[in-house]
């Protein structure tokens, strides 16, 4: 039987390690995106480079300056030599985007990583400059760090669920605009629909980020209230309001400043009849973890599998 102080020290250590893990979680966002390449060689489709399988690859025809990093294993590993990785926001002239790195060589079947040192951009491009070049990619990953999203791994609930649009899908780091039913949450059409995350601790919330659906119906989010507090009265929807969402364009992530409001519960709530609440991603940022006993965290640790 461990002494009580040893138990709490162990819990606090695990708490600190878990927070570091969550705050530096790397997510491959390339698999969320839409892939394109300059040409197509037979059925070596562009999206094969994002499917998580190194056995399926993308492939261009022989050409000049192909566009679009596990290398192919069976032959021709030198084809990737000299490829440029570019990151930026320009889609009309992808070669004008800044260079992150130049690939010198990748052995057959190997996966090499390239640091882009915090470069920002909507598009990640791999191109090989020159004539009579072929670009073959068996897997491409683009990893970013999501710092301190307090909603990660927390308990989620919503007032109702339509089909497979589960509440938890609003915090899965995957807005997946292609198949939103597998990655967004949604209630049925009802009176006063709501969605809520239990942060397990009282935090000072600085901002909440909401990503709207892309496929249709972006106006469904109009009028949604972001509420933060410690009460579950009326399912948490009587807590103070951080912001009221006027509108969010389809597929856009909007940030709402909450000025360090304190609360354990963050709710999205739409007042009115025959309303439907759909969320493709919810992120909560802040600091603290205050006014709660540390030993409560033990249950949270048990909910994660490493």
Protein backbone atom coordinates (compact mmCIF):
# COMPACT_ATOMS: atom_id res chain seq x y z
CA UNK A 1 0.00 0.00 0.00
CA UNK A 2 1.57 3.28 -1.10
CA UNK A 3 1.55 6.25 1.28
CA UNK A 4 -1.09 8.82 0.35
CA UNK A 5 1.46 11.52 -0.51
CA UNK A 6 3.26 9.11 -2.87
CA UNK A 7 -0.06 8.36 -4.59
CA UNK A 8 -0.84 12.04 -5.14
CA UNK A 9 2.70 12.76 -6.36
CA UNK A 10 2.30 9.96 -8.90
CA UNK A 11 -1.04 11.33 -10.04
CA UNK A 12 0.39 14.83 -10.37
CA UNK A 13 3.32 13.49 -12.41
CA UNK A 14 0.98 11.61 -14.75
CA UNK A 15 -1.19 14.72 -14.99
CA UNK A 16 1.79 16.79 -16.06
CA UNK A 17 2.96 14.22 -18.59
CA UNK A 18 -0.50 13.90 -20.08
CA UNK A 19 -0.91 17.66 -20.40
CA UNK A 20 2.45 17.87 -22.19
CA UNK A 21 1.33 15.08 -24.50
CA UNK A 22 -1.95 16.78 -25.36
CA UNK A 23 -0.43 20.23 -25.76
CA UNK A 24 2.12 18.95 -28.27
CA UNK A 25 -0.10 16.51 -30.11
CA UNK A 26 0.86 16.24 -33.77
CA UNK A 27 -1.96 15.70 -36.21
CA UNK A 28 -1.56 14.75 -39.88
CA UNK A 29 -3.80 17.39 -41.46
CA UNK A 30 -2.92 16.30 -45.02
CA UNK A 31 -5.54 13.53 -44.75
CA UNK A 32 -8.26 16.17 -44.26
CA UNK A 33 -7.43 17.94 -47.50
CA UNK A 34 -8.15 17.62 -51.20
CA UNK A 35 -5.20 16.40 -53.25
CA UNK A 36 -4.29 17.36 -56.82
CA UNK A 37 -1.40 16.60 -59.15
CA UNK A 38 -0.27 17.88 -62.52
CA UNK A 39 -1.02 14.68 -64.50
CA UNK A 40 -2.28 11.15 -63.84
CA UNK A 41 -0.44 7.96 -64.79
CA UNK A 42 -3.09 5.23 -65.31
CA UNK A 43 -4.82 4.55 -61.95
CA UNK A 44 -2.05 5.94 -59.68
CA UNK A 45 -4.52 8.44 -58.24
CA UNK A 46 -3.53 11.59 -56.36
CA UNK A 47 -5.49 10.69 -53.22
CA UNK A 48 -3.44 7.48 -52.86
CA UNK A 49 -0.68 9.61 -51.34
CA UNK A 50 -3.02 10.53 -48.46
CA UNK A 51 -4.74 7.23 -47.69
CA UNK A 52 -2.37 6.09 -44.93
CA UNK A 53 -1.22 3.08 -47.00
CA UNK A 54 2.36 2.99 -48.28
CA UNK A 55 1.33 0.19 -50.68
CA UNK A 56 -0.77 2.60 -52.79
CA UNK A 57 0.97 5.51 -54.49
CA UNK A 58 0.28 8.54 -56.66
CA UNK A 59 2.16 8.94 -59.95
CA UNK A 60 2.40 11.57 -62.68
CA UNK A 61 3.24 10.94 -66.32
CA UNK A 62 6.65 11.95 -67.62
CA UNK A 63 6.57 15.72 -67.94
CA UNK A 64 8.19 19.03 -67.06
CA UNK A 65 7.79 20.45 -63.51
CA UNK A 66 5.22 18.03 -62.04
CA UNK A 67 3.28 19.25 -58.98
CA UNK A 68 1.71 17.66 -55.96
CA UNK A 69 7.07 11.52 -48.28
CA UNK A 70 7.24 7.70 -48.23
CA UNK A 71 9.17 6.74 -51.39
CA UNK A 72 8.15 3.82 -53.57
CA UNK A 73 9.71 0.52 -52.47
CA UNK A 74 9.94 -1.59 -55.63
CA UNK A 75 12.00 0.56 -58.04
CA UNK A 76 13.09 3.97 -59.26
CA UNK A 77 13.80 5.43 -55.80
CA UNK A 78 16.04 8.11 -57.34
CA UNK A 79 13.08 9.79 -59.07
CA UNK A 80 12.30 11.72 -55.86
CA UNK A 81 15.78 13.30 -55.78
CA UNK A 82 15.62 17.10 -56.02
CA UNK A 83 11.92 17.35 -55.18
CA UNK A 84 10.91 20.61 -53.54
CA UNK A 85 8.42 20.85 -50.68
CA UNK A 86 6.56 24.16 -50.78
CA UNK A 87 4.08 25.66 -48.31
CA UNK A 88 1.93 28.72 -48.94
CA UNK A 89 -1.42 30.21 -49.88
CA UNK A 90 -1.05 30.65 -53.66
CA UNK A 91 -3.00 28.14 -55.75
CA UNK A 92 -2.78 29.86 -59.14
CA UNK A 93 1.05 29.66 -59.25
CA UNK A 94 2.14 26.95 -56.84
CA UNK A 95 5.81 27.45 -57.69
CA UNK A 96 5.70 30.93 -56.16
CA UNK A 97 5.05 29.47 -52.69
CA UNK A 98 8.09 29.40 -50.38
CA UNK A 99 10.31 26.30 -50.25
CA UNK A 100 10.28 24.36 -47.00
CA UNK A 101 12.92 21.82 -48.00
CA UNK A 102 14.59 20.11 -50.96
CA UNK A 103 14.70 16.32 -50.98
CA UNK A 104 18.24 15.12 -51.68
CA UNK A 105 17.40 11.41 -51.64
CA UNK A 106 15.04 8.94 -49.94
CA UNK A 107 15.90 5.21 -49.94
CA UNK A 108 13.39 2.83 -51.48
CA UNK A 109 10.35 2.40 -49.21
CA UNK A 110 11.71 4.77 -46.57
CA UNK A 111 9.88 7.68 -44.98
CA UNK A 112 11.79 10.92 -44.42
CA UNK A 113 10.65 13.92 -42.38
CA UNK A 114 11.31 17.57 -43.22
CA UNK A 115 10.87 20.41 -40.75
CA UNK A 116 9.16 23.52 -42.09
CA UNK A 117 9.97 25.63 -39.02
CA UNK A 118 6.48 26.96 -38.42
CA UNK A 119 5.74 27.98 -42.03
CA UNK A 120 2.09 28.88 -42.57
CA UNK A 121 -0.07 28.11 -45.57
CA UNK A 122 -3.17 26.47 -46.96
CA UNK A 123 -1.36 24.41 -49.60
CA UNK A 124 1.49 21.90 -49.30
CA UNK A 125 3.08 21.15 -52.66
CA UNK A 126 5.71 18.65 -53.77
CA UNK A 127 7.25 19.42 -57.15
CA UNK A 128 10.32 18.33 -59.11
CA UNK A 129 11.84 21.07 -61.27
CA UNK A 130 13.24 20.05 -64.64
CA UNK A 131 12.29 18.28 -67.86
CA UNK A 132 11.25 14.65 -68.37
CA UNK A 133 10.56 14.12 -64.68
CA UNK A 134 8.17 11.72 -62.94
CA UNK A 135 6.88 12.37 -59.43
CA UNK A 136 5.80 9.28 -57.47
CA UNK A 137 4.63 9.55 -53.85
CA UNK A 138 3.54 6.56 -51.77
CA UNK A 139 2.51 8.62 -48.74
CA UNK A 140 2.56 12.29 -47.78
CA UNK A 141 1.92 13.53 -44.27
CA UNK A 142 1.61 17.15 -43.17
CA UNK A 143 1.84 17.47 -39.40
CA UNK A 144 0.93 20.45 -37.27
CA UNK A 145 0.90 20.98 -33.53
CA UNK A 146 -2.35 21.95 -31.86
CA UNK A 147 -1.24 23.69 -28.66
CA UNK A 148 -3.42 23.45 -25.59
CA UNK A 149 -6.86 22.61 -26.99
CA UNK A 150 -8.68 22.03 -23.70
CA UNK A 151 -11.52 20.10 -25.36
CA UNK A 152 -9.20 17.27 -26.42
CA UNK A 153 -10.23 13.93 -24.94
CA UNK A 154 -13.02 15.40 -22.82
CA UNK A 155 -16.58 14.18 -22.27
CA UNK A 156 -19.04 15.46 -24.86
CA UNK A 157 -22.81 15.34 -25.01
CA UNK A 158 -25.54 16.89 -27.15
CA UNK A 159 -29.30 17.24 -26.92
CA UNK A 160 -30.01 14.72 -29.70
CA UNK A 161 -28.15 12.91 -32.47
CA UNK A 162 -29.08 12.48 -36.10
CA UNK A 163 -27.78 9.24 -37.60
CA UNK A 164 -24.03 8.81 -37.01
CA UNK A 165 -23.33 12.53 -36.40
CA UNK A 166 -22.04 11.86 -32.89
CA UNK A 167 -21.25 14.63 -30.40
CA UNK A 168 -17.64 13.43 -29.97
CA UNK A 169 -16.89 14.02 -33.65
CA UNK A 170 -16.79 17.77 -33.04
CA UNK A 171 -13.46 17.35 -31.17
CA UNK A 172 -11.75 14.71 -33.35
CA UNK A 173 -9.34 17.14 -35.10
CA UNK A 174 -10.97 16.14 -38.37
CA UNK A 175 -13.49 18.48 -40.03
CA UNK A 176 -13.59 16.14 -43.11
CA UNK A 177 -15.65 18.25 -45.46
CA UNK A 178 -15.85 15.40 -47.97
CA UNK A 179 -17.79 13.07 -45.65
CA UNK A 180 -19.05 15.26 -42.81
CA UNK A 181 -21.34 12.57 -41.42
CA UNK A 182 -18.25 10.68 -40.26
CA UNK A 183 -16.52 13.61 -38.60
CA UNK A 184 -19.04 16.31 -37.63
CA UNK A 185 -21.62 16.35 -34.85
CA UNK A 186 -25.26 17.21 -35.42
CA UNK A 187 -28.51 17.23 -33.51
CA UNK A 188 -31.87 16.49 -35.04
CA UNK A 189 -34.19 19.39 -35.86
CA UNK A 190 -35.62 20.31 -32.46
CA UNK A 191 -36.39 23.11 -30.04
CA UNK A 192 -33.29 24.69 -28.46
CA UNK A 193 -30.61 22.20 -29.58
CA UNK A 194 -27.31 22.18 -27.68
CA UNK A 195 -23.82 20.62 -27.56
CA UNK A 196 -21.59 20.62 -24.47
CA UNK A 197 -18.02 19.72 -23.46
CA UNK A 198 -17.06 19.01 -19.85
CA UNK A 199 -13.48 20.27 -19.36
CA UNK A 200 -13.33 18.44 -15.98
CA UNK A 201 -11.62 21.48 -14.42
CA UNK A 202 -12.49 25.14 -14.15
CA UNK A 203 -10.42 27.01 -16.72
CA UNK A 204 -10.03 30.64 -17.70
CA UNK A 205 -11.19 30.38 -21.31
CA UNK A 206 -9.53 32.87 -23.64
CA UNK A 207 -11.13 31.84 -26.94
CA UNK A 208 -13.34 29.28 -28.65
CA UNK A 209 -12.89 28.28 -32.30
CA UNK A 210 -15.84 26.92 -34.28
CA UNK A 211 -15.53 25.28 -37.71
CA UNK A 212 -18.72 25.27 -39.79
CA UNK A 213 -19.76 22.57 -42.26
CA UNK A 214 -18.78 22.98 -45.91
CA UNK A 215 -21.13 20.67 -47.77
CA UNK A 216 -24.37 22.61 -47.18
CA UNK A 217 -26.49 24.61 -44.81
CA UNK A 218 -23.89 26.99 -43.31
CA UNK A 219 -26.71 29.22 -42.09
CA UNK A 220 -27.77 26.56 -39.56
CA UNK A 221 -25.10 27.87 -37.14
CA UNK A 222 -26.52 31.43 -37.24
CA UNK A 223 -27.58 32.65 -33.80
CA UNK A 224 -25.75 29.96 -31.83
CA UNK A 225 -24.66 31.07 -28.36
CA UNK A 226 -21.33 30.07 -26.83
CA UNK A 227 -21.83 29.74 -23.07
CA UNK A 228 -19.20 29.12 -20.39
CA UNK A 229 -19.72 28.38 -16.70
CA UNK A 230 -19.93 25.85 -13.89
CA UNK A 231 -23.67 25.14 -13.76
CA UNK A 232 -25.55 22.28 -15.41
CA UNK A 233 -28.87 24.00 -14.85
CA UNK A 234 -30.85 23.81 -18.09
CA UNK A 235 -28.06 21.56 -19.44
CA UNK A 236 -25.51 24.33 -18.96
CA UNK A 237 -27.38 26.71 -21.21
CA UNK A 238 -28.00 29.24 -18.42
CA UNK A 239 -24.28 29.89 -18.05
CA UNK A 240 -22.90 33.30 -19.10
CA UNK A 241 -22.56 34.03 -22.82
CA UNK A 242 -19.10 34.40 -24.35
CA UNK A 243 -20.40 35.25 -27.82
CA UNK A 244 -23.34 34.92 -30.19
CA UNK A 245 -22.47 33.60 -33.66
CA UNK A 246 -23.97 35.83 -36.31
CA UNK A 247 -22.74 33.72 -39.22
CA UNK A 248 -19.80 31.53 -40.25
CA UNK A 249 -19.16 30.93 -43.96
CA UNK A 250 -19.18 27.33 -45.17
CA UNK A 251 -16.02 25.48 -44.19
CA UNK A 252 -14.57 28.42 -42.25
CA UNK A 253 -13.14 28.39 -38.71
CA UNK A 254 -14.13 31.47 -36.68
CA UNK A 255 -12.54 32.52 -33.39
CA UNK A 256 -14.53 34.04 -30.52
CA UNK A 257 -12.74 35.85 -27.70
CA UNK A 258 -14.02 35.00 -24.22
CA UNK A 259 -11.77 37.29 -22.11
CA UNK A 260 -10.73 34.59 -19.63
CA UNK A 261 -14.25 33.63 -18.60
CA UNK A 262 -14.09 30.94 -15.91
CA UNK A 263 -15.92 27.67 -16.34
CA UNK A 264 -15.88 23.93 -16.47
CA UNK A 265 -18.56 23.62 -19.15
CA UNK A 266 -18.51 25.09 -22.66
CA UNK A 267 -21.82 24.87 -24.50
CA UNK A 268 -23.13 25.70 -27.96
CA UNK A 269 -26.83 26.49 -27.83
CA UNK A 270 -29.30 27.66 -30.50
CA UNK A 271 -32.55 29.08 -29.14
CA UNK A 272 -35.67 28.54 -31.21
CA UNK A 273 -37.93 25.92 -32.74
CA UNK A 274 -37.01 23.43 -35.48
CA UNK A 275 -33.31 24.26 -35.21
CA UNK A 276 -30.42 21.92 -35.96
CA UNK A 277 -26.92 22.35 -34.47
CA UNK A 278 -24.07 20.99 -36.62
CA UNK A 279 -20.42 21.38 -35.60
CA UNK A 280 -17.45 20.15 -37.63
CA UNK A 281 -14.86 21.18 -35.04
CA UNK A 282 -14.84 22.90 -31.65
CA UNK A 283 -11.60 24.07 -30.01
CA UNK A 284 -11.32 25.62 -26.56
CA UNK A 285 -8.22 27.51 -25.44
CA UNK A 286 -7.31 28.96 -22.07
CA UNK A 287 -5.31 28.40 -18.93
CA UNK A 288 -5.74 27.23 -15.38
CA UNK A 289 -7.28 24.03 -14.29
CA UNK A 290 -8.29 25.72 -11.04
CA UNK A 291 -10.54 25.06 -8.04
CA UNK A 292 -10.57 21.30 -8.53
CA UNK A 293 -8.94 18.50 -6.51
CA UNK A 294 -5.97 16.98 -8.32
CA UNK A 295 -7.00 13.41 -7.53
CA UNK A 296 -10.05 13.78 -9.77
CA UNK A 297 -7.61 13.67 -12.69
CA UNK A 298 -7.01 9.98 -12.03
CA UNK A 299 -10.27 9.11 -13.80
CA UNK A 300 -9.23 11.20 -16.78
CA UNK A 301 -5.90 9.36 -17.03
CA UNK A 302 -7.71 6.05 -17.08
CA UNK A 303 -9.74 7.21 -20.08
CA UNK A 304 -6.63 7.39 -22.31
CA UNK A 305 -4.82 4.44 -23.87
CA UNK A 306 -1.14 4.94 -24.74
